[in-house]
Amino acid sequence: ICSEREARVHYTEMKDDEVRTLRLCEQCAEARGFTKMEKKPEFSLPDLLAGMAEDKFAGTEAEAAPLTCERCGLTYPEFKKTGRLGCGECYEAFAAPLLPLLKRIHGSENHVGKVPRRLRGQERMPPREPREQQKPQKSLKAPEDRLEDLRRQLDRCVDAEDFEQAASIRDRIRRLEESRGT
């Protein structure tokens, strides 16, 4: 307002459909009663996520028997409180409430990621075939070798954070172990 010093305080007021913005230097802001915010904002991302999840699943049986990740032991109420998942398998354990939440926030259930500027406009890798169109691969290897290969693939998928593929491989490992009686 004084036009003498650099504006360091930005105040935005939204009332009805009108937005009013003030840019003030520190001295003018203090003179007008705008002091530095010493406390945390009224909300955080975890609180926002938790609130969105509560709206969607209020009064469902999810509250009666909380979903729990078998791998890390995190419960869905704990996730709602912190806004953080414990491990890669949490995505699968909390899929029912998590997918609609991700779709609402991210715009999609699938994470596309960030593309560096230098690569924008270049052709991307083609999307994978849907699971039902993929043909199971027949292998002439011994079951022990197949299990070992699958475990290595599983580790690579988890390291690459491709949890959907990792879950599929994990299921294949379980089926193979069950068929062997392990």
Protein backbone atom coordinates (compact mmCIF):
# COMPACT_ATOMS: atom_id res chain seq x y z
CA ILE A 1 0.00 0.00 0.00
CA CYS A 2 2.86 2.37 0.81
CA SER A 3 4.67 1.48 -2.45
CA GLU A 4 7.98 2.18 -0.69
CA ARG A 5 8.95 -1.28 0.54
CA GLU A 6 8.68 -4.81 -0.86
CA ALA A 7 5.31 -6.48 -0.23
CA ARG A 8 5.89 -9.52 1.95
CA VAL A 9 2.40 -10.04 3.34
CA HIS A 10 -0.28 -11.24 0.96
CA TYR A 11 -3.83 -11.18 2.30
CA THR A 12 -6.68 -12.65 0.29
CA GLU A 13 -10.28 -12.36 1.41
CA MET A 14 -13.07 -14.28 -0.29
CA LYS A 15 -16.58 -13.11 0.43
CA ASP A 16 -19.54 -14.34 -1.60
CA ASP A 17 -18.27 -14.31 -5.20
CA GLU A 18 -15.81 -11.48 -4.65
CA VAL A 19 -12.07 -11.94 -4.11
CA ARG A 20 -10.06 -9.11 -2.58
CA THR A 21 -6.26 -9.26 -2.41
CA LEU A 22 -3.92 -6.95 -0.51
CA ARG A 23 -0.15 -6.95 -0.81
CA LEU A 24 1.53 -5.14 2.05
CA CYS A 25 5.00 -4.54 3.38
CA GLU A 26 5.60 -5.81 6.90
CA GLN A 27 5.28 -2.37 8.50
CA CYS A 28 1.97 -1.55 6.75
CA ALA A 29 0.63 -5.02 7.57
CA GLU A 30 1.47 -4.59 11.25
CA ALA A 31 -0.07 -1.10 11.29
CA ARG A 32 -3.31 -2.49 9.82
CA GLY A 33 -3.46 -5.41 12.25
CA PHE A 34 -2.23 -8.18 9.95
CA THR A 35 0.33 -10.03 12.03
CA LYS A 36 2.44 -13.02 11.13
CA MET A 37 0.69 -16.35 11.43
CA GLU A 38 2.41 -18.12 14.31
CA LYS A 39 0.13 -21.15 14.40
CA LYS A 40 -0.33 -23.95 11.89
CA PRO A 41 -2.97 -23.67 9.17
CA GLU A 42 -6.47 -24.82 10.06
CA PHE A 43 -6.13 -27.97 7.94
CA SER A 44 -3.51 -30.30 6.61
CA LEU A 45 -3.48 -32.73 3.71
CA PRO A 46 -3.95 -35.76 6.01
CA ASP A 47 -6.95 -34.03 7.61
CA LEU A 48 -8.37 -33.24 4.18
CA LEU A 49 -7.94 -36.85 3.00
CA ALA A 50 -9.40 -38.19 6.22
CA GLY A 51 -12.41 -35.89 5.93
CA MET A 52 -13.05 -36.94 2.34
CA ALA A 53 -12.80 -40.61 3.29
CA GLU A 54 -15.16 -40.12 6.25
CA ASP A 55 -17.77 -38.50 4.01
CA LYS A 56 -17.65 -41.43 1.61
CA PHE A 57 -17.68 -44.25 4.15
CA ALA A 58 -19.56 -42.85 7.14
CA GLY A 59 -21.85 -45.45 8.69
CA THR A 60 -20.48 -48.43 6.76
CA GLU A 61 -19.21 -51.67 8.16
CA ALA A 62 -15.66 -50.33 7.62
CA GLU A 63 -16.05 -48.67 11.02
CA ALA A 64 -17.33 -51.87 12.67
CA ALA A 65 -14.39 -54.03 11.56
CA PRO A 66 -11.51 -51.77 10.47
CA LEU A 67 -9.58 -52.79 7.39
CA THR A 68 -6.04 -53.82 8.25
CA CYS A 69 -2.97 -54.29 6.08
CA GLU A 70 -1.65 -57.81 6.62
CA ARG A 71 1.93 -56.80 5.88
CA CYS A 72 2.48 -53.76 8.11
CA GLY A 73 -0.57 -53.92 10.42
CA LEU A 74 -1.80 -50.40 9.63
CA THR A 75 -5.55 -50.00 10.08
CA TYR A 76 -7.74 -47.83 7.89
CA PRO A 77 -8.67 -45.55 10.83
CA GLU A 78 -4.93 -44.99 11.46
CA PHE A 79 -4.48 -44.09 7.77
CA LYS A 80 -7.40 -41.65 8.02
CA LYS A 81 -5.75 -40.04 11.03
CA THR A 82 -2.27 -39.65 9.52
CA GLY A 83 -2.99 -39.57 5.78
CA ARG A 84 0.00 -41.89 5.22
CA LEU A 85 0.07 -45.52 4.15
CA GLY A 86 2.46 -47.92 5.86
CA CYS A 87 3.66 -50.00 2.91
CA GLY A 88 2.93 -50.93 -0.70
CA GLU A 89 0.36 -53.55 0.26
CA CYS A 90 -1.77 -50.91 2.00
CA TYR A 91 -2.97 -49.84 -1.45
CA GLU A 92 -4.49 -53.27 -1.95
CA ALA A 93 -5.72 -53.68 1.63
CA PHE A 94 -7.55 -50.33 1.52
CA ALA A 95 -8.49 -50.48 -2.18
CA ALA A 96 -12.26 -50.18 -1.66
CA PRO A 97 -12.16 -46.84 0.18
CA LEU A 98 -8.88 -45.64 -1.33
CA LEU A 99 -9.60 -45.89 -5.07
CA PRO A 100 -12.61 -43.55 -5.10
CA LEU A 101 -10.67 -41.17 -2.86
CA LEU A 102 -7.66 -41.17 -5.21
CA LYS A 103 -9.93 -40.72 -8.21
CA ARG A 104 -11.58 -37.72 -6.58
CA ILE A 105 -8.28 -36.10 -5.58
CA HIS A 106 -5.96 -37.13 -8.41
CA GLY A 107 -8.55 -37.38 -11.19
CA SER A 108 -7.59 -40.98 -11.89
CA GLU A 109 -7.06 -44.26 -10.09
CA ASN A 110 -3.77 -44.76 -11.96
CA HIS A 111 -0.75 -42.63 -11.12
CA VAL A 112 0.79 -41.17 -14.25
CA GLY A 113 3.62 -39.33 -12.60
CA LYS A 114 5.51 -36.22 -13.50
CA VAL A 115 7.09 -35.87 -16.94
CA PRO A 116 10.31 -33.85 -17.19
CA ARG A 117 10.07 -30.85 -19.55
CA ARG A 118 12.74 -32.24 -21.85
CA LEU A 119 10.65 -35.38 -22.39
CA ARG A 120 7.26 -33.72 -22.85
CA GLY A 121 5.79 -34.34 -26.26
CA GLN A 122 7.84 -37.48 -26.76
CA GLU A 123 6.08 -40.76 -27.22
CA ARG A 124 5.37 -42.58 -23.98
CA MET A 125 5.54 -46.29 -23.39
CA PRO A 126 2.37 -48.02 -24.58
CA PRO A 127 -0.04 -48.93 -21.77
CA ARG A 128 -0.04 -52.52 -20.58
CA GLU A 129 -2.77 -54.85 -21.69
CA PRO A 130 -5.62 -55.23 -19.21
CA ARG A 131 -5.17 -58.25 -16.95
CA GLU A 132 -7.93 -60.29 -18.56
CA GLN A 133 -6.26 -59.98 -21.99
CA GLN A 134 -2.85 -61.09 -20.78
CA LYS A 135 -2.18 -64.73 -21.48
CA PRO A 136 -0.64 -66.76 -18.69
CA GLN A 137 2.90 -67.65 -19.58
CA LYS A 138 3.64 -71.36 -19.72
CA SER A 139 7.00 -72.28 -18.37
CA LEU A 140 9.09 -75.40 -18.79
CA LYS A 141 11.10 -74.52 -15.70
CA ALA A 142 10.89 -76.51 -12.49
CA PRO A 143 8.38 -75.10 -9.97
CA GLU A 144 11.22 -74.06 -7.63
CA ASP A 145 12.87 -72.05 -10.42
CA ARG A 146 9.55 -70.48 -11.40
CA LEU A 147 8.93 -69.50 -7.77
CA GLU A 148 12.38 -67.94 -7.52
CA ASP A 149 11.83 -66.01 -10.79
CA LEU A 150 8.45 -64.78 -9.58
CA ARG A 151 9.92 -63.65 -6.26
CA ARG A 152 12.61 -61.67 -8.10
CA GLN A 153 9.92 -60.11 -10.33
CA LEU A 154 7.90 -59.28 -7.23
CA ASP A 155 10.90 -57.53 -5.62
CA ARG A 156 11.51 -55.52 -8.81
CA CYS A 157 7.85 -54.46 -8.99
CA VAL A 158 7.82 -53.38 -5.34
CA ASP A 159 11.08 -51.44 -5.83
CA ALA A 160 9.54 -49.75 -8.90
CA GLU A 161 6.35 -49.10 -6.87
CA ASP A 162 4.27 -51.00 -9.43
CA PHE A 163 2.01 -52.37 -6.71
CA GLU A 164 -0.73 -53.54 -9.06
CA GLN A 165 1.68 -55.80 -10.94
CA ALA A 166 3.30 -56.83 -7.64
CA ALA A 167 -0.08 -57.95 -6.30
CA SER A 168 -0.67 -60.02 -9.42
CA ILE A 169 2.73 -61.69 -9.09
CA ARG A 170 2.15 -62.29 -5.38
CA ASP A 171 -1.12 -64.05 -6.23
CA ARG A 172 0.68 -66.20 -8.82
CA ILE A 173 3.27 -67.15 -6.19
CA ARG A 174 0.51 -68.15 -3.76
CA ARG A 175 -1.27 -70.25 -6.39
CA LEU A 176 1.97 -71.97 -7.34
CA GLU A 177 2.81 -72.67 -3.69
CA GLU A 178 -0.71 -74.02 -3.06
CA SER A 179 -0.52 -76.29 -6.10
CA ARG A 180 2.79 -77.65 -4.80
CA GLY A 181 1.37 -78.10 -1.30
CA THR A 182 3.92 -75.72 0.24
